PDB file of N, CA and C in Angstrom:
ATOM      1  N   MET A   1       0.781  -1.094  -0.105  1.00  0.00           N
ATOM      2  CA  MET A   1       0.039   0.086  -0.179  1.00  0.00           C
ATOM      3  C   MET A   1       0.645   1.418  -0.009  1.00  0.00           C
ATOM      4  N   ASP A   2       0.687   2.128  -1.108  1.00  0.00           N
ATOM      5  CA  ASP A   2       1.574   3.293  -0.918  1.00  0.00           C
ATOM      6  C   ASP A   2       0.331   4.348  -0.336  1.00  0.00           C
ATOM      7  N   LEU A   3       1.172   4.907   0.686  1.00  0.00           N
ATOM      8  CA  LEU A   3       0.430   5.952   1.434  1.00  0.00           C
ATOM      9  C   LEU A   3       0.680   7.284   1.239  1.00  0.00           C
ATOM     10  N   ILE A   4      -0.281   8.464   1.458  1.00  0.00           N
ATOM     11  CA  ILE A   4       0.033   9.651   1.151  1.00  0.00           C
ATOM     12  C   ILE A   4       0.102  10.240   2.492  1.00  0.00           C
ATOM     13  N   TYR A   5       0.648  11.452   2.252  1.00  0.00           N
ATOM     14  CA  TYR A   5       1.067  11.963   3.711  1.00  0.00           C
ATOM     15  C   TYR A   5       0.568  13.752   3.678  1.00  0.00           C
ATOM     16  N   LYS A   6       0.193  13.995   5.297  1.00  0.00           N
ATOM     17  CA  LYS A   6       0.061  15.293   5.735  1.00  0.00           C
ATOM     18  C   LYS A   6       1.069  15.771   6.651  1.00  0.00           C
ATOM     19  N   ILE A   7       1.616  16.841   6.465  1.00  0.00           N
ATOM     20  CA  ILE A   7       2.468  17.367   7.572  1.00  0.00           C
ATOM     21  C   ILE A   7       1.561  18.596   8.284  1.00  0.00           C
ATOM     22  N   VAL A   8       1.508  18.219   9.526  1.00  0.00           N
ATOM     23  CA  VAL A   8       0.255  18.942  10.516  1.00  0.00           C
ATOM     24  C   VAL A   8       1.210  19.252  11.897  1.00  0.00           C
ATOM     25  N   PRO A   9       1.077  20.545  12.319  1.00  0.00           N
ATOM     26  CA  PRO A   9       1.401  21.036  13.499  1.00  0.00           C
ATOM     27  C   PRO A   9       0.815  19.947  14.904  1.00  0.00           C
ATOM     28  N   LYS A  10       1.550  19.785  15.768  1.00  0.00           N
ATOM     29  CA  LYS A  10       0.967  18.839  16.630  1.00  0.00           C
ATOM     30  C   LYS A  10      -0.196  19.030  17.412  1.00  0.00           C
ATOM     31  N   ASP A  11      -0.318  20.535  17.583  1.00  0.00           N
ATOM     32  CA  ASP A  11      -1.533  21.236  18.204  1.00  0.00           C
ATOM     33  C   ASP A  11      -2.702  21.132  17.552  1.00  0.00           C
ATOM     34  N   LEU A  12      -2.602  21.113  16.219  1.00  0.00           N
ATOM     35  CA  LEU A  12      -3.693  21.010  15.068  1.00  0.00           C
ATOM     36  C   LEU A  12      -4.091  19.626  15.122  1.00  0.00           C
ATOM     37  N   TRP A  13      -3.183  18.471  15.013  1.00  0.00           N
ATOM     38  CA  TRP A  13      -3.520  17.149  15.137  1.00  0.00           C
ATOM     39  C   TRP A  13      -4.208  16.913  16.381  1.00  0.00           C
ATOM     40  N   HIS A  14      -3.826  17.104  17.355  1.00  0.00           N
ATOM     41  CA  HIS A  14      -4.574  16.771  18.724  1.00  0.00           C
ATOM     42  C   HIS A  14      -5.850  17.226  18.591  1.00  0.00           C
ATOM     43  N   GLU A  15      -6.021  18.499  18.347  1.00  0.00           N
ATOM     44  CA  GLU A  15      -7.339  19.101  18.174  1.00  0.00           C
ATOM     45  C   GLU A  15      -8.356  18.122  17.083  1.00  0.00           C
ATOM     46  N   ALA A  16      -7.848  17.709  16.024  1.00  0.00           N
ATOM     47  CA  ALA A  16      -8.536  16.569  15.243  1.00  0.00           C
ATOM     48  C   ALA A  16      -8.847  15.590  15.681  1.00  0.00           C
ATOM     49  N   GLU A  17      -7.790  14.592  16.615  1.00  0.00           N
ATOM     50  CA  GLU A  17      -7.913  13.739  17.557  1.00  0.00           C
ATOM     51  C   GLU A  17      -9.291  13.886  18.216  1.00  0.00           C
ATOM     52  N   SER A  18      -9.399  14.965  18.981  1.00  0.00           N
ATOM     53  CA  SER A  18     -10.307  15.026  19.783  1.00  0.00           C
ATOM     54  C   SER A  18     -11.830  15.296  19.032  1.00  0.00           C
ATOM     55  N   LYS A  19     -11.810  15.666  17.822  1.00  0.00           N
ATOM     56  CA  LYS A  19     -13.055  15.634  17.085  1.00  0.00           C
ATOM     57  C   LYS A  19     -13.342  14.646  16.405  1.00  0.00           C
ATOM     58  N   GLY A  20     -12.286  13.838  16.030  1.00  0.00           N
ATOM     59  CA  GLY A  20     -12.556  12.552  15.286  1.00  0.00           C
ATOM     60  C   GLY A  20     -12.391  12.830  13.792  1.00  0.00           C
ATOM     61  N   VAL A  21     -12.003  14.178  13.465  1.00  0.00           N
ATOM     62  CA  VAL A  21     -11.921  14.446  11.806  1.00  0.00           C
ATOM     63  C   VAL A  21     -10.885  15.615  11.821  1.00  0.00           C
ATOM     64  N   PHE A  22      -9.960  15.540  10.597  1.00  0.00           N
ATOM     65  CA  PHE A  22      -9.078  16.704  10.434  1.00  0.00           C
ATOM     66  C   PHE A  22      -9.715  17.273   9.166  1.00  0.00           C
ATOM     67  N   THR A  23      -9.923  18.644   9.585  1.00  0.00           N
ATOM     68  CA  THR A  23     -10.713  19.705   8.615  1.00  0.00           C
ATOM     69  C   THR A  23      -9.734  20.408   7.944  1.00  0.00           C
ATOM     70  N   GLY A  24      -8.467  20.195   8.339  1.00  0.00           N
ATOM     71  CA  GLY A  24      -7.319  21.273   7.666  1.00  0.00           C
ATOM     72  C   GLY A  24      -6.690  22.097   8.370  1.00  0.00           C
ATOM     73  N   ALA A  25      -5.588  22.571   7.810  1.00  0.00           N
ATOM     74  CA  ALA A  25      -4.853  23.763   8.253  1.00  0.00           C
ATOM     75  C   ALA A  25      -5.336  25.113   7.702  1.00  0.00           C
ATOM     76  N   PRO A  26      -4.814  26.187   8.185  1.00  0.00           N
ATOM     77  CA  PRO A  26      -5.368  27.456   7.625  1.00  0.00           C
ATOM     78  C   PRO A  26      -5.396  27.476   5.994  1.00  0.00           C
ATOM     79  N   VAL A  27      -4.183  26.968   5.619  1.00  0.00           N
ATOM     80  CA  VAL A  27      -3.979  27.027   4.121  1.00  0.00           C
ATOM     81  C   VAL A  27      -4.800  26.291   3.495  1.00  0.00           C
ATOM     82  N   ASP A  28      -5.138  25.112   4.240  1.00  0.00           N
ATOM     83  CA  ASP A  28      -6.137  24.028   3.489  1.00  0.00           C
ATOM     84  C   ASP A  28      -7.459  24.646   3.433  1.00  0.00           C
ATOM     85  N   ALA A  29      -7.820  25.657   4.391  1.00  0.00           N
ATOM     86  CA  ALA A  29      -9.101  26.184   4.312  1.00  0.00           C
ATOM     87  C   ALA A  29      -9.112  27.254   3.197  1.00  0.00           C
ATOM     88  N   ALA A  30      -8.164  27.764   3.167  1.00  0.00           N
ATOM     89  CA  ALA A  30      -7.894  29.038   2.270  1.00  0.00           C
ATOM     90  C   ALA A  30      -8.028  28.690   0.579  1.00  0.00           C
ATOM     91  N   ASP A  31      -7.461  27.200   0.481  1.00  0.00           N
ATOM     92  CA  ASP A  31      -7.462  26.618  -0.954  1.00  0.00           C
ATOM     93  C   ASP A  31      -8.751  25.847  -1.433  1.00  0.00           C
ATOM     94  N   GLY A  32      -9.390  25.468  -0.133  1.00  0.00           N
ATOM     95  CA  GLY A  32     -10.630  24.520  -0.521  1.00  0.00           C
ATOM     96  C   GLY A  32     -10.333  23.205  -0.637  1.00  0.00           C
ATOM     97  N   PHE A  33      -9.261  22.708   0.000  1.00  0.00           N
ATOM     98  CA  PHE A  33      -8.935  21.172  -0.186  1.00  0.00           C
ATOM     99  C   PHE A  33      -7.733  21.031   0.760  1.00  0.00           C
ATOM    100  N   ILE A  34      -7.573  19.793   1.322  1.00  0.00           N
ATOM    101  CA  ILE A  34      -6.696  19.403   2.155  1.00  0.00           C
ATOM    102  C   ILE A  34      -5.241  19.035   1.235  1.00  0.00           C
ATOM    103  N   HIS A  35      -4.310  19.923   1.565  1.00  0.00           N
ATOM    104  CA  HIS A  35      -2.817  19.384   0.631  1.00  0.00           C
ATOM    105  C   HIS A  35      -2.362  18.074   1.157  1.00  0.00           C
ATOM    106  N   LEU A  36      -1.904  17.260   0.574  1.00  0.00           N
ATOM    107  CA  LEU A  36      -1.306  16.100   0.770  1.00  0.00           C
ATOM    108  C   LEU A  36      -0.051  15.834   0.109  1.00  0.00           C
ATOM    109  N   SER A  37       0.852  14.703   0.395  1.00  0.00           N
ATOM    110  CA  SER A  37       1.758  14.643  -0.801  1.00  0.00           C
ATOM    111  C   SER A  37       2.178  13.074  -0.947  1.00  0.00           C
ATOM    112  N   THR A  38       2.613  12.622  -1.869  1.00  0.00           N
ATOM    113  CA  THR A  38       3.119  11.117  -2.096  1.00  0.00           C
ATOM    114  C   THR A  38       4.359  11.167  -1.241  1.00  0.00           C
ATOM    115  N   THR A  39       4.966   9.907  -1.229  1.00  0.00           N
ATOM    116  CA  THR A  39       6.155   9.494  -0.635  1.00  0.00           C
ATOM    117  C   THR A  39       7.274  10.310  -1.397  1.00  0.00           C
ATOM    118  N   ALA A  40       7.071  10.493  -2.576  1.00  0.00           N
ATOM    119  CA  ALA A  40       8.219  10.891  -3.147  1.00  0.00           C
ATOM    120  C   ALA A  40       8.396  12.580  -2.937  1.00  0.00           C
ATOM    121  N   GLN A  41       7.005  13.020  -2.569  1.00  0.00           N
ATOM    122  CA  GLN A  41       6.858  14.554  -2.537  1.00  0.00           C
ATOM    123  C   GLN A  41       7.074  15.372  -1.159  1.00  0.00           C
ATOM    124  N   VAL A  42       6.862  14.280  -0.272  1.00  0.00           N
ATOM    125  CA  VAL A  42       6.839  14.940   1.229  1.00  0.00           C
ATOM    126  C   VAL A  42       7.883  15.374   1.764  1.00  0.00           C
ATOM    127  N   ARG A  43       8.965  14.979   1.258  1.00  0.00           N
ATOM    128  CA  ARG A  43      10.450  15.576   1.849  1.00  0.00           C
ATOM    129  C   ARG A  43      10.674  17.096   1.207  1.00  0.00           C
ATOM    130  N   GLY A  44      10.236  17.384  -0.136  1.00  0.00           N
ATOM    131  CA  GLY A  44      10.277  18.546  -0.811  1.00  0.00           C
ATOM    132  C   GLY A  44       9.173  19.677  -0.223  1.00  0.00           C
ATOM    133  N   THR A  45       8.079  19.044   0.223  1.00  0.00           N
ATOM    134  CA  THR A  45       7.037  19.583   1.011  1.00  0.00           C
ATOM    135  C   THR A  45       7.237  20.158   2.195  1.00  0.00           C
ATOM    136  N   ALA A  46       8.200  19.282   2.755  1.00  0.00           N
ATOM    137  CA  ALA A  46       8.501  19.648   4.369  1.00  0.00           C
ATOM    138  C   ALA A  46       9.302  20.659   3.976  1.00  0.00           C
ATOM    139  N   ALA A  47      10.370  20.811   3.233  1.00  0.00           N
ATOM    140  CA  ALA A  47      11.478  21.353   2.814  1.00  0.00           C
ATOM    141  C   ALA A  47      10.980  23.170   2.566  1.00  0.00           C
ATOM    142  N   HIS A  48       9.957  23.190   1.471  1.00  0.00           N
ATOM    143  CA  HIS A  48       9.476  24.112   0.992  1.00  0.00           C
ATOM    144  C   HIS A  48       8.300  24.858   1.829  1.00  0.00           C
ATOM    145  N   HIS A  49       7.678  24.142   2.317  1.00  0.00           N
ATOM    146  CA  HIS A  49       6.302  24.826   3.068  1.00  0.00           C
ATOM    147  C   HIS A  49       6.597  24.944   4.616  1.00  0.00           C
ATOM    148  N   PHE A  50       7.614  23.924   5.140  1.00  0.00           N
ATOM    149  CA  PHE A  50       7.540  23.970   6.600  1.00  0.00           C
ATOM    150  C   PHE A  50       8.986  24.149   7.148  1.00  0.00           C
ATOM    151  N   ALA A  51       9.988  24.809   6.171  1.00  0.00           N
ATOM    152  CA  ALA A  51      11.257  25.008   6.530  1.00  0.00           C
ATOM    153  C   ALA A  51      11.346  25.556   8.035  1.00  0.00           C
ATOM    154  N   GLY A  52      12.119  25.024   8.721  1.00  0.00           N
ATOM    155  CA  GLY A  52      12.553  25.874  10.554  1.00  0.00           C
ATOM    156  C   GLY A  52      11.275  25.481  10.866  1.00  0.00           C
ATOM    157  N   GLN A  53      10.318  24.842  10.774  1.00  0.00           N
ATOM    158  CA  GLN A  53       9.141  24.809  12.019  1.00  0.00           C
ATOM    159  C   GLN A  53       9.384  23.414  12.511  1.00  0.00           C
ATOM    160  N   ASP A  54       9.181  23.383  13.896  1.00  0.00           N
ATOM    161  CA  ASP A  54       9.549  22.338  14.776  1.00  0.00           C
ATOM    162  C   ASP A  54       7.966  21.896  15.296  1.00  0.00           C
ATOM    163  N   GLY A  55       7.821  21.003  16.022  1.00  0.00           N
ATOM    164  CA  GLY A  55       6.303  20.494  16.762  1.00  0.00           C
ATOM    165  C   GLY A  55       5.430  20.002  15.612  1.00  0.00           C
ATOM    166  N   LEU A  56       6.154  19.230  14.475  1.00  0.00           N
ATOM    167  CA  LEU A  56       5.320  18.709  13.517  1.00  0.00           C
ATOM    168  C   LEU A  56       5.020  17.297  13.611  1.00  0.00           C
ATOM    169  N   LEU A  57       4.247  16.760  12.683  1.00  0.00           N
ATOM    170  CA  LEU A  57       3.784  15.409  12.790  1.00  0.00           C
ATOM    171  C   LEU A  57       3.709  14.905  11.306  1.00  0.00           C
ATOM    172  N   LEU A  58       3.992  13.840  10.950  1.00  0.00           N
ATOM    173  CA  LEU A  58       3.951  13.182   9.614  1.00  0.00           C
ATOM    174  C   LEU A  58       2.670  12.155   9.582  1.00  0.00           C
ATOM    175  N   VAL A  59       1.676  12.554   8.974  1.00  0.00           N
ATOM    176  CA  VAL A  59       0.424  11.851   9.206  1.00  0.00           C
ATOM    177  C   VAL A  59       0.218  10.851   7.980  1.00  0.00           C
ATOM    178  N   GLY A  60       0.480   9.401   8.043  1.00  0.00           N
ATOM    179  CA  GLY A  60       0.067   8.665   6.998  1.00  0.00           C
ATOM    180  C   GLY A  60      -1.023   8.408   6.750  1.00  0.00           C
ATOM    181  N   VAL A  61      -1.511   8.552   5.235  1.00  0.00           N
ATOM    182  CA  VAL A  61      -3.032   8.099   5.189  1.00  0.00           C
ATOM    183  C   VAL A  61      -3.094   7.062   3.949  1.00  0.00           C
ATOM    184  N   ASP A  62      -4.133   5.973   4.167  1.00  0.00           N
ATOM    185  CA  ASP A  62      -4.006   5.057   3.062  1.00  0.00           C
ATOM    186  C   ASP A  62      -5.202   6.201   1.898  1.00  0.00           C
ATOM    187  N   PRO A  63      -4.891   6.258   0.962  1.00  0.00           N
ATOM    188  CA  PRO A  63      -5.501   6.922  -0.124  1.00  0.00           C
ATOM    189  C   PRO A  63      -6.798   5.956  -0.566  1.00  0.00           C
ATOM    190  N   ALA A  64      -6.720   4.577  -0.451  1.00  0.00           N
ATOM    191  CA  ALA A  64      -7.912   3.805  -1.078  1.00  0.00           C
ATOM    192  C   ALA A  64      -9.236   3.993   0.117  1.00  0.00           C
ATOM    193  N   ARG A  65      -9.055   4.735   1.239  1.00  0.00           N
ATOM    194  CA  ARG A  65      -9.972   4.838   2.230  1.00  0.00           C
ATOM    195  C   ARG A  65     -10.519   6.220   2.051  1.00  0.00           C
ATOM    196  N   LEU A  66     -10.276   7.269   1.027  1.00  0.00           N
ATOM    197  CA  LEU A  66     -10.705   8.651   0.939  1.00  0.00           C
ATOM    198  C   LEU A  66     -11.765   8.655  -0.270  1.00  0.00           C
ATOM    199  N   GLY A  67     -11.856   7.577  -1.133  1.00  0.00           N
ATOM    200  CA  GLY A  67     -12.697   7.694  -2.080  1.00  0.00           C
ATOM    201  C   GLY A  67     -12.722   8.786  -3.136  1.00  0.00           C
ATOM    202  N   ALA A  68     -14.020   9.352  -3.595  1.00  0.00           N
ATOM    203  CA  ALA A  68     -13.782  10.049  -4.768  1.00  0.00           C
ATOM    204  C   ALA A  68     -13.358  11.691  -4.366  1.00  0.00           C
ATOM    205  N   ALA A  69     -13.128  12.013  -3.132  1.00  0.00           N
ATOM    206  CA  ALA A  69     -12.799  13.217  -2.583  1.00  0.00           C
ATOM    207  C   ALA A  69     -11.582  13.576  -2.803  1.00  0.00           C
ATOM    208  N   LEU A  70     -10.726  12.391  -3.203  1.00  0.00           N
ATOM    209  CA  LEU A  70      -9.218  12.558  -3.462  1.00  0.00           C
ATOM    210  C   LEU A  70      -9.057  12.720  -4.860  1.00  0.00           C
ATOM    211  N   ARG A  71      -8.244  13.723  -5.137  1.00  0.00           N
ATOM    212  CA  ARG A  71      -7.920  14.045  -6.491  1.00  0.00           C
ATOM    213  C   ARG A  71      -6.192  14.118  -6.825  1.00  0.00           C
ATOM    214  N   TYR A  72      -5.678  14.030  -7.658  1.00  0.00           N
ATOM    215  CA  TYR A  72      -4.475  14.286  -8.014  1.00  0.00           C
ATOM    216  C   TYR A  72      -4.652  15.252  -9.138  1.00  0.00           C
ATOM    217  N   GLU A  73      -3.735  16.581  -8.785  1.00  0.00           N
ATOM    218  CA  GLU A  73      -3.837  17.677  -9.282  1.00  0.00           C
ATOM    219  C   GLU A  73      -2.605  18.514  -9.461  1.00  0.00           C
ATOM    220  N   PRO A  74      -2.133  19.030 -10.684  1.00  0.00           N
ATOM    221  CA  PRO A  74      -0.945  19.496 -10.772  1.00  0.00           C
ATOM    222  C   PRO A  74      -0.739  20.818  -9.934  1.00  0.00           C
ATOM    223  N   SER A  75       0.352  20.578  -9.163  1.00  0.00           N
ATOM    224  CA  SER A  75       0.933  21.669  -8.487  1.00  0.00           C
ATOM    225  C   SER A  75       2.296  22.307  -8.672  1.00  0.00           C
ATOM    226  N   ARG A  76       2.987  22.270  -7.729  1.00  0.00           N
ATOM    227  CA  ARG A  76       4.455  22.445  -7.762  1.00  0.00           C
ATOM    228  C   ARG A  76       5.264  21.982  -8.933  1.00  0.00           C
ATOM    229  N   GLY A  77       5.657  22.779  -9.945  1.00  0.00           N
ATOM    230  CA  GLY A  77       6.429  22.220 -11.140  1.00  0.00           C
ATOM    231  C   GLY A  77       5.679  21.291 -12.032  1.00  0.00           C
ATOM    232  N   GLY A  78       4.212  21.452 -11.801  1.00  0.00           N
ATOM    233  CA  GLY A  78       3.410  20.781 -12.801  1.00  0.00           C
ATOM    234  C   GLY A  78       3.124  19.158 -12.344  1.00  0.00           C
ATOM    235  N   ALA A  79       3.645  18.929 -10.924  1.00  0.00           N
ATOM    236  CA  ALA A  79       3.555  17.374 -10.685  1.00  0.00           C
ATOM    237  C   ALA A  79       2.178  17.320 -10.000  1.00  0.00           C
ATOM    238  N   LEU A  80       1.939  16.045 -10.105  1.00  0.00           N
ATOM    239  CA  LEU A  80       0.494  15.635  -9.584  1.00  0.00           C
ATOM    240  C   LEU A  80       0.560  15.601  -7.878  1.00  0.00           C
ATOM    241  N   PHE A  81       0.000  16.334  -7.426  1.00  0.00           N
ATOM    242  CA  PHE A  81      -0.353  16.263  -6.037  1.00  0.00           C
ATOM    243  C   PHE A  81      -1.801  15.853  -5.340  1.00  0.00           C
ATOM    244  N   PRO A  82      -1.864  14.864  -4.316  1.00  0.00           N
ATOM    245  CA  PRO A  82      -3.110  14.515  -3.954  1.00  0.00           C
ATOM    246  C   PRO A  82      -3.666  15.524  -3.091  1.00  0.00           C
ATOM    247  N   HIS A  83      -4.740  16.006  -3.365  1.00  0.00           N
ATOM    248  CA  HIS A  83      -5.589  16.839  -2.902  1.00  0.00           C
ATOM    249  C   HIS A  83      -7.036  16.229  -2.282  1.00  0.00           C
ATOM    250  N   LEU A  84      -7.420  16.654  -1.137  1.00  0.00           N
ATOM    251  CA  LEU A  84      -8.743  15.775  -0.598  1.00  0.00           C
ATOM    252  C   LEU A  84      -9.581  16.968  -0.535  1.00  0.00           C
ATOM    253  N   TYR A  85     -10.752  17.005  -1.075  1.00  0.00           N
ATOM    254  CA  TYR A  85     -11.898  17.758  -1.208  1.00  0.00           C
ATOM    255  C   TYR A  85     -12.953  17.242  -0.234  1.00  0.00           C
ATOM    256  N   ALA A  86     -12.496  16.868   1.286  1.00  0.00           N
ATOM    257  CA  ALA A  86     -13.299  16.489   2.319  1.00  0.00           C
ATOM    258  C   ALA A  86     -12.767  16.773   3.381  1.00  0.00           C
ATOM    259  N   PRO A  87     -13.501  16.831   4.651  1.00  0.00           N
ATOM    260  CA  PRO A  87     -12.465  16.358   5.893  1.00  0.00           C
ATOM    261  C   PRO A  87     -11.824  15.224   5.960  1.00  0.00           C
ATOM    262  N   LEU A  88     -10.586  14.804   6.343  1.00  0.00           N
ATOM    263  CA  LEU A  88      -9.958  13.709   6.685  1.00  0.00           C
ATOM    264  C   LEU A  88     -10.350  12.804   7.864  1.00  0.00           C
ATOM    265  N   SER A  89     -11.003  11.715   7.350  1.00  0.00           N
ATOM    266  CA  SER A  89     -11.666  10.955   8.617  1.00  0.00           C
ATOM    267  C   SER A  89     -10.414  10.314   9.013  1.00  0.00           C
ATOM    268  N   LEU A  90     -10.258  10.067  10.333  1.00  0.00           N
ATOM    269  CA  LEU A  90      -9.230   9.584  11.087  1.00  0.00           C
ATOM    270  C   LEU A  90      -9.099   7.897  10.955  1.00  0.00           C
ATOM    271  N   ASP A  91     -10.188   7.616  10.348  1.00  0.00           N
ATOM    272  CA  ASP A  91     -10.099   5.938   9.932  1.00  0.00           C
ATOM    273  C   ASP A  91      -9.190   5.689   8.653  1.00  0.00           C
ATOM    274  N   ALA A  92      -8.986   6.919   7.968  1.00  0.00           N
ATOM    275  CA  ALA A  92      -8.223   6.753   7.093  1.00  0.00           C
ATOM    276  C   ALA A  92      -6.518   7.009   7.112  1.00  0.00           C
ATOM    277  N   VAL A  93      -6.508   7.242   8.380  1.00  0.00           N
ATOM    278  CA  VAL A  93      -4.968   7.323   9.078  1.00  0.00           C
ATOM    279  C   VAL A  93      -4.419   6.078   9.565  1.00  0.00           C
ATOM    280  N   VAL A  94      -3.166   5.846   9.094  1.00  0.00           N
ATOM    281  CA  VAL A  94      -2.655   4.668   9.344  1.00  0.00           C
ATOM    282  C   VAL A  94      -1.337   4.761  10.005  1.00  0.00           C
ATOM    283  N   SER A  95      -0.738   5.962  10.295  1.00  0.00           N
ATOM    284  CA  SER A  95       0.487   6.318  11.129  1.00  0.00           C
ATOM    285  C   SER A  95       0.373   7.848  11.290  1.00  0.00           C
ATOM    286  N   VAL A  96       0.894   8.065  12.751  1.00  0.00           N
ATOM    287  CA  VAL A  96       1.018   9.387  12.938  1.00  0.00           C
ATOM    288  C   VAL A  96       2.758   9.362  13.789  1.00  0.00           C
ATOM    289  N   THR A  97       3.770   9.909  13.064  1.00  0.00           N
ATOM    290  CA  THR A  97       5.261  10.190  13.711  1.00  0.00           C
ATOM    291  C   THR A  97       5.403  11.565  13.776  1.00  0.00           C
ATOM    292  N   ALA A  98       6.440  11.781  14.697  1.00  0.00           N
ATOM    293  CA  ALA A  98       6.889  13.088  14.826  1.00  0.00           C
ATOM    294  C   ALA A  98       8.058  13.112  13.540  1.00  0.00           C
ATOM    295  N   LEU A  99       8.023  14.557  13.382  1.00  0.00           N
ATOM    296  CA  LEU A  99       8.934  15.042  12.305  1.00  0.00           C
ATOM    297  C   LEU A  99       9.822  16.182  12.882  1.00  0.00           C
ATOM    298  N   PRO A 100      10.782  15.831  13.589  1.00  0.00           N
ATOM    299  CA  PRO A 100      11.471  16.905  14.491  1.00  0.00           C
ATOM    300  C   PRO A 100      12.569  17.401  13.405  1.00  0.00           C
ATOM    301  N   LEU A 101      13.256  18.755  13.726  1.00  0.00           N
ATOM    302  CA  LEU A 101      14.010  19.310  12.978  1.00  0.00           C
ATOM    303  C   LEU A 101      15.635  18.914  13.655  1.00  0.00           C
ATOM    304  N   GLY A 102      16.373  18.670  12.948  1.00  0.00           N
ATOM    305  CA  GLY A 102      17.476  17.990  13.189  1.00  0.00           C
ATOM    306  C   GLY A 102      18.668  19.235  13.525  1.00  0.00           C
ATOM    307  N   ALA A 103      19.858  18.771  13.847  1.00  0.00           N
ATOM    308  CA  ALA A 103      20.736  20.124  14.105  1.00  0.00           C
ATOM    309  C   ALA A 103      20.943  20.907  12.715  1.00  0.00           C
ATOM    310  N   ASP A 104      21.090  20.174  11.570  1.00  0.00           N
ATOM    311  CA  ASP A 104      21.036  20.792  10.263  1.00  0.00           C
ATOM    312  C   ASP A 104      20.049  21.984   9.996  1.00  0.00           C
ATOM    313  N   GLY A 105      18.966  21.686  10.858  1.00  0.00           N
ATOM    314  CA  GLY A 105      17.511  22.552  10.495  1.00  0.00           C
ATOM    315  C   GLY A 105      16.649  22.089   9.681  1.00  0.00           C
ATOM    316  N   LEU A 106      17.085  20.749   8.926  1.00  0.00           N
ATOM    317  CA  LEU A 106      16.346  19.948   8.117  1.00  0.00           C
ATOM    318  C   LEU A 106      15.045  18.998   9.090  1.00  0.00           C
ATOM    319  N   HIS A 107      14.159  18.557   8.358  1.00  0.00           N
ATOM    320  CA  HIS A 107      13.315  17.705   9.229  1.00  0.00           C
ATOM    321  C   HIS A 107      14.052  16.166   9.025  1.00  0.00           C
ATOM    322  N   GLN A 108      13.781  15.492  10.344  1.00  0.00           N
ATOM    323  CA  GLN A 108      14.369  14.299  10.160  1.00  0.00           C
ATOM    324  C   GLN A 108      13.203  13.084  10.162  1.00  0.00           C
ATOM    325  N   PHE A 109      13.010  12.421   9.170  1.00  0.00           N
ATOM    326  CA  PHE A 109      11.890  11.515   8.854  1.00  0.00           C
ATOM    327  C   PHE A 109      12.572  10.219   9.599  1.00  0.00           C
ATOM    328  N   ASP A 110      11.553   9.654  10.190  1.00  0.00           N
ATOM    329  CA  ASP A 110      11.759   8.212  10.972  1.00  0.00           C
ATOM    330  C   ASP A 110      12.545   7.628   9.941  1.00  0.00           C
ATOM    331  N   SER A 111      13.374   6.612  10.425  1.00  0.00           N
ATOM    332  CA  SER A 111      14.110   5.782   9.797  1.00  0.00           C
ATOM    333  C   SER A 111      13.280   4.743   8.949  1.00  0.00           C
ATOM    334  N   SER A 112      12.118   4.600   9.630  1.00  0.00           N
ATOM    335  CA  SER A 112      11.441   3.339   8.740  1.00  0.00           C
ATOM    336  C   SER A 112      10.720   4.260   7.590  1.00  0.00           C
ATOM    337  N   PHE A 113      10.647   5.560   7.411  1.00  0.00           N
ATOM    338  CA  PHE A 113      10.185   6.177   6.141  1.00  0.00           C
ATOM    339  C   PHE A 113      10.834   5.518   5.058  1.00  0.00           C
ATOM    340  N   PRO A 114       9.862   5.487   3.962  1.00  0.00           N
ATOM    341  CA  PRO A 114      10.797   4.838   2.692  1.00  0.00           C
ATOM    342  C   PRO A 114      11.576   6.084   2.034  1.00  0.00           C
TER     343      PRO A 114
END
């Protein structure tokens, strides 16, 4: 199973856990969909959109559980990025791991990350 990912501040994710659904970050609300990334894209997303930010989580999502609300659309450099046009049900979430900053200022992905 190829997962897709959402990078989320811890406090925003804990709020979603208490509600049972993730409705998105402010940028998602502004754009009208929840921004997600493939495995190949998520490191670039972290570097481009979350540079220097600590206190983040990497949320792994099973795209098969999202249905027709998930669309792959052109974004950065014309690459197709997954966009979710609905709230993210926590039933679709298969992993949540810390995404800390390393001494070099770059996000440190868990050693089990592909």
